[in-house]
Every structure is written in C-alpha cells, then in structure tokens.
Amino acid sequence: MQTIVTGQHEITPEISTFSIARPDGFMYTAGQFIELTLPGVCKPWFTLSSSPQEHDLSITTRRSDSDFKKALFAMNASSSVDISQPMGDFVLPKLAQTPLVWVAGGIGITPFISQLKWLAETGEQRPIRLMWAVRSEDDIIFQEVMDAAQQHATIVVSEPTAAWGGERGQLTAEMVRFLSVAQNLS
C-alpha cells in the first residue's frame, strides 16, 4: 500500500518516531508489525508503536549506519513509502486475566508500547510485569505511555550513571527469575 510519511519526532538524538498516514481500511492489532519499503532500498519490518485507535501509524527506531536507516532518517514529511498489511501474532491474549511477564531489550519495547497505549485508551486492566533492559538512562523512552497505562517497569541499565537508582547490569534469565519471585510472579 502506498502512503506518505507525515512527520518525524526525535525522542533522543539516536531514536525517532516516524508518523505514517494510515491508508483507508488499514486495521491492525496492537503488537503487530509491517514491512516498510523505501525507494531503492530493502524492506525491513517494524513493529507499529502506535495504538490501533490512533489516526496515523507510527514506527519508532534507532538511528544506524544501514542504507535503509540513512534513507529513512533523511526523509521529509510527504515522502512516499510502501507498507505491507499488518503481520504477526505478538499480541495480547484474548483472556484479559492471563498474567503476563514482558521482557524487552532497548528499542524492542515498541510492541509493548503499542499494547500499553491501547490498554490506556480502552481502560482495560491486565496483570502485567514489564522488565526492560537498556544501555543507559537516555534510552528510557515512552515513560508517559507507561504512566498513562499505570504500568511500572523494572528497568535494568547496563551502563548506568552514578545517579541511577534502579537495577544495574545485564537482564539475564537469572535476573528475570529473581525479579519474578521478588514481585510474586512465579
């Protein structure tokens, strides 16, 4: 489907959210992804970081030296792009009572952000524990979305500043088990 980029919002110097005009009839479930094709470069997939109830679609990504990312970050509003139909089944379970433990690393937080936006917009409550590994405090994005969804995240920073008061190090399987037991999730 051909559509256009409607804007770029820099979240940090390395991470931006790109808004894409939603084609007529484009329906998806929070947590799904699309393939994005730019003229002359490959077509990687991106999880939609928007909620299905938002007017525009959005993707959030980190800047890199790949040809695709260079082309994406150089785009202007109204630039033409092609997107696929939504794909994937990394979505919320149908049973709202199902307890969920979400583990994310870096920009891999985006499917959860889409789901948390949807939960906040619909007012639906779910038993969720989110554990998120980032390199530095600067990589902690979308705090306002977590706040709106009343979702506390256990954030583990691998290269923290001296001021960081949360979890430090690598988010390992052992740490996930420890945090799950400490938070009564086992």
Protein backbone atom coordinates (compact mmCIF):
# COMPACT_ATOMS: atom_id res chain seq x y z
CA MET A 1 0.00 0.00 0.00
CA GLN A 2 1.39 3.36 -0.90
CA THR A 3 1.20 6.10 1.71
CA ILE A 4 3.29 9.00 2.99
CA VAL A 5 5.44 9.88 5.97
CA THR A 6 3.62 12.65 7.84
CA GLY A 7 6.33 13.52 10.35
CA GLN A 8 9.38 12.60 12.36
CA HIS A 9 9.64 13.19 16.11
CA GLU A 10 13.10 12.93 17.64
CA ILE A 11 12.79 11.27 21.05
CA THR A 12 16.55 11.20 21.70
CA PRO A 13 19.44 12.10 19.38
CA GLU A 14 19.53 8.40 18.39
CA ILE A 15 15.83 7.41 18.44
CA SER A 16 12.94 8.84 16.42
CA THR A 17 9.27 8.06 15.87
CA PHE A 18 8.05 8.33 12.28
CA SER A 19 4.37 9.03 11.63
CA ILE A 20 2.86 7.44 8.53
CA ALA A 21 -0.53 8.27 7.05
CA ARG A 22 -2.91 5.41 7.74
CA PRO A 23 -4.30 4.02 4.47
CA ASP A 24 -8.08 3.71 4.24
CA GLY A 25 -9.26 0.46 5.78
CA PHE A 26 -5.89 -0.34 7.41
CA MET A 27 -6.74 -2.33 10.55
CA TYR A 28 -4.32 -3.98 12.96
CA THR A 29 -3.96 -5.32 16.46
CA ALA A 30 -1.60 -3.73 18.98
CA GLY A 31 1.76 -5.52 18.78
CA GLN A 32 1.71 -6.29 15.06
CA PHE A 33 4.37 -5.22 12.54
CA ILE A 34 4.63 -4.02 8.94
CA GLU A 35 7.23 -4.15 6.19
CA LEU A 36 8.25 -0.66 5.13
CA THR A 37 9.64 -0.13 1.63
CA LEU A 38 11.55 2.99 0.66
CA PRO A 39 12.50 3.71 -2.95
CA GLY A 40 15.74 1.94 -3.85
CA VAL A 41 16.43 0.23 -0.50
CA CYS A 42 15.47 -3.04 1.19
CA LYS A 43 12.24 -3.50 3.11
CA PRO A 44 12.74 -4.32 6.78
CA TRP A 45 9.89 -4.80 9.18
CA PHE A 46 8.96 -2.55 12.07
CA THR A 47 6.56 -3.08 14.93
CA LEU A 48 3.91 -0.39 14.96
CA SER A 49 4.45 1.74 18.07
CA SER A 50 1.07 3.38 17.60
CA SER A 51 -2.20 2.15 19.03
CA PRO A 52 -4.84 0.81 16.61
CA GLN A 53 -7.02 3.72 17.77
CA GLU A 54 -4.56 6.42 16.66
CA HIS A 55 -5.19 8.36 13.45
CA ASP A 56 -1.69 7.84 11.98
CA LEU A 57 0.53 4.79 12.16
CA SER A 58 3.91 5.14 13.82
CA ILE A 59 7.18 3.26 13.99
CA THR A 60 9.99 4.02 16.42
CA THR A 61 13.57 3.14 15.61
CA ARG A 62 17.18 3.78 16.46
CA ARG A 63 19.50 5.54 14.01
CA SER A 64 22.20 3.33 12.46
CA ASP A 65 24.62 3.25 9.54
CA SER A 66 22.49 0.91 7.41
CA ASP A 67 21.44 2.23 4.00
CA PHE A 68 17.79 1.82 4.98
CA LYS A 69 18.10 3.79 8.23
CA LYS A 70 20.09 6.54 6.50
CA ALA A 71 17.34 6.85 3.87
CA LEU A 72 14.58 6.73 6.50
CA PHE A 73 16.13 9.39 8.72
CA ALA A 74 16.72 11.62 5.65
CA MET A 75 13.03 11.54 4.61
CA ASN A 76 10.87 14.63 4.68
CA ALA A 77 7.20 14.88 5.53
CA SER A 78 5.13 13.88 2.49
CA SER A 79 7.76 11.40 1.30
CA SER A 80 6.19 8.35 -0.32
CA VAL A 81 6.59 4.89 1.23
CA ASP A 82 5.02 1.49 0.73
CA ILE A 83 3.78 -0.56 3.65
CA SER A 84 2.55 -4.12 3.87
CA GLN A 85 -0.58 -5.35 5.54
CA PRO A 86 -0.03 -5.84 9.31
CA MET A 87 1.53 -9.14 10.30
CA GLY A 88 2.41 -11.13 13.39
CA ASP A 89 0.70 -12.54 16.42
CA PHE A 90 2.75 -10.94 19.22
CA VAL A 91 -0.50 -9.53 20.60
CA LEU A 92 -2.35 -9.55 23.89
CA PRO A 93 -4.04 -12.85 24.79
CA LYS A 94 -7.80 -12.90 24.44
CA LEU A 95 -8.26 -13.69 28.15
CA ALA A 96 -7.65 -10.41 29.99
CA GLN A 97 -6.95 -12.29 33.25
CA THR A 98 -3.88 -14.05 31.82
CA PRO A 99 -0.84 -12.85 33.82
CA LEU A 100 1.92 -11.54 31.56
CA VAL A 101 5.64 -11.11 32.11
CA TRP A 102 7.10 -8.91 29.39
CA VAL A 103 10.85 -8.83 28.82
CA ALA A 104 12.24 -6.25 26.38
CA GLY A 105 15.64 -5.02 25.33
CA GLY A 106 16.28 -1.50 24.01
CA ILE A 107 14.06 -0.42 21.12
CA GLY A 108 12.41 -3.87 21.33
CA ILE A 109 9.99 -2.15 23.72
CA THR A 110 7.81 -1.00 20.77
CA PRO A 111 5.29 -3.88 20.61
CA PHE A 112 4.64 -3.43 24.32
CA ILE A 113 4.24 0.34 23.84
CA SER A 114 1.58 -0.25 21.18
CA GLN A 115 -0.22 -2.60 23.57
CA LEU A 116 0.10 -0.26 26.57
CA LYS A 117 -1.28 2.65 24.52
CA TRP A 118 -4.24 0.52 23.53
CA LEU A 119 -4.81 -0.59 27.13
CA ALA A 120 -4.70 3.02 28.36
CA GLU A 121 -7.11 4.18 25.64
CA THR A 122 -9.61 1.41 26.30
CA GLY A 123 -9.24 1.44 30.09
CA GLU A 124 -8.63 -2.30 30.11
CA GLN A 125 -6.52 -3.57 33.01
CA ARG A 126 -4.20 -6.56 32.70
CA PRO A 127 -1.85 -8.25 35.20
CA ILE A 128 1.48 -7.29 33.57
CA ARG A 129 5.06 -7.13 34.83
CA LEU A 130 7.46 -5.40 32.46
CA MET A 131 11.22 -5.91 32.65
CA TRP A 132 13.23 -3.78 30.26
CA ALA A 133 16.97 -3.71 29.61
CA VAL A 134 18.58 -0.55 28.23
CA ARG A 135 22.15 0.59 27.80
CA SER A 136 21.80 3.99 29.51
CA GLU A 137 19.18 6.16 31.16
CA ASP A 138 18.98 8.13 27.88
CA ASP A 139 17.47 5.02 26.26
CA ILE A 140 14.45 5.07 28.60
CA ILE A 141 11.70 6.29 26.29
CA PHE A 142 7.90 6.26 26.38
CA GLN A 143 7.70 6.84 30.13
CA GLU A 144 4.49 8.84 29.56
CA VAL A 145 2.89 5.81 27.88
CA MET A 146 3.77 3.58 30.83
CA ASP A 147 2.41 6.20 33.23
CA ALA A 148 -0.87 6.53 31.27
CA ALA A 149 -1.29 2.74 31.34
CA GLN A 150 -0.42 2.70 35.05
CA GLN A 151 2.37 0.25 34.24
CA HIS A 152 5.52 0.13 36.33
CA ALA A 153 8.58 -1.18 34.51
CA THR A 154 11.59 -2.72 36.17
CA ILE A 155 14.35 -1.11 34.11
CA VAL A 156 17.83 -2.61 34.11
CA VAL A 157 20.58 -0.28 32.88
CA SER A 158 23.81 -1.89 31.68
CA GLU A 159 25.91 1.32 31.62
CA PRO A 160 24.28 3.50 34.30
CA THR A 161 25.46 6.83 35.59
CA ALA A 162 26.30 7.14 39.27
CA ALA A 163 22.90 8.81 39.78
CA TRP A 164 20.89 5.79 38.55
CA GLY A 165 18.96 4.33 41.46
CA GLY A 166 17.45 1.29 39.76
CA GLU A 167 18.64 -2.13 38.67
CA ARG A 168 22.11 -2.31 37.12
CA GLY A 169 23.87 -4.79 34.84
CA GLN A 170 22.56 -7.24 32.25
CA LEU A 171 19.00 -8.54 32.25
CA THR A 172 19.72 -12.27 32.41
CA ALA A 173 17.43 -15.25 32.80
CA GLU A 174 18.53 -15.46 36.42
CA MET A 175 17.59 -11.81 37.00
CA VAL A 176 14.19 -12.35 35.35
CA ARG A 177 13.57 -15.31 37.67
CA PHE A 178 14.77 -13.33 40.70
CA LEU A 179 12.60 -10.30 39.87
CA SER A 180 9.61 -12.55 39.15
CA VAL A 181 9.93 -14.22 42.57
CA ALA A 182 10.58 -10.88 44.29
CA GLN A 183 7.42 -9.48 42.69
CA ASN A 184 5.30 -12.60 43.35
CA LEU A 185 5.07 -13.59 39.69
CA SER A 186 6.11 -17.24 39.94
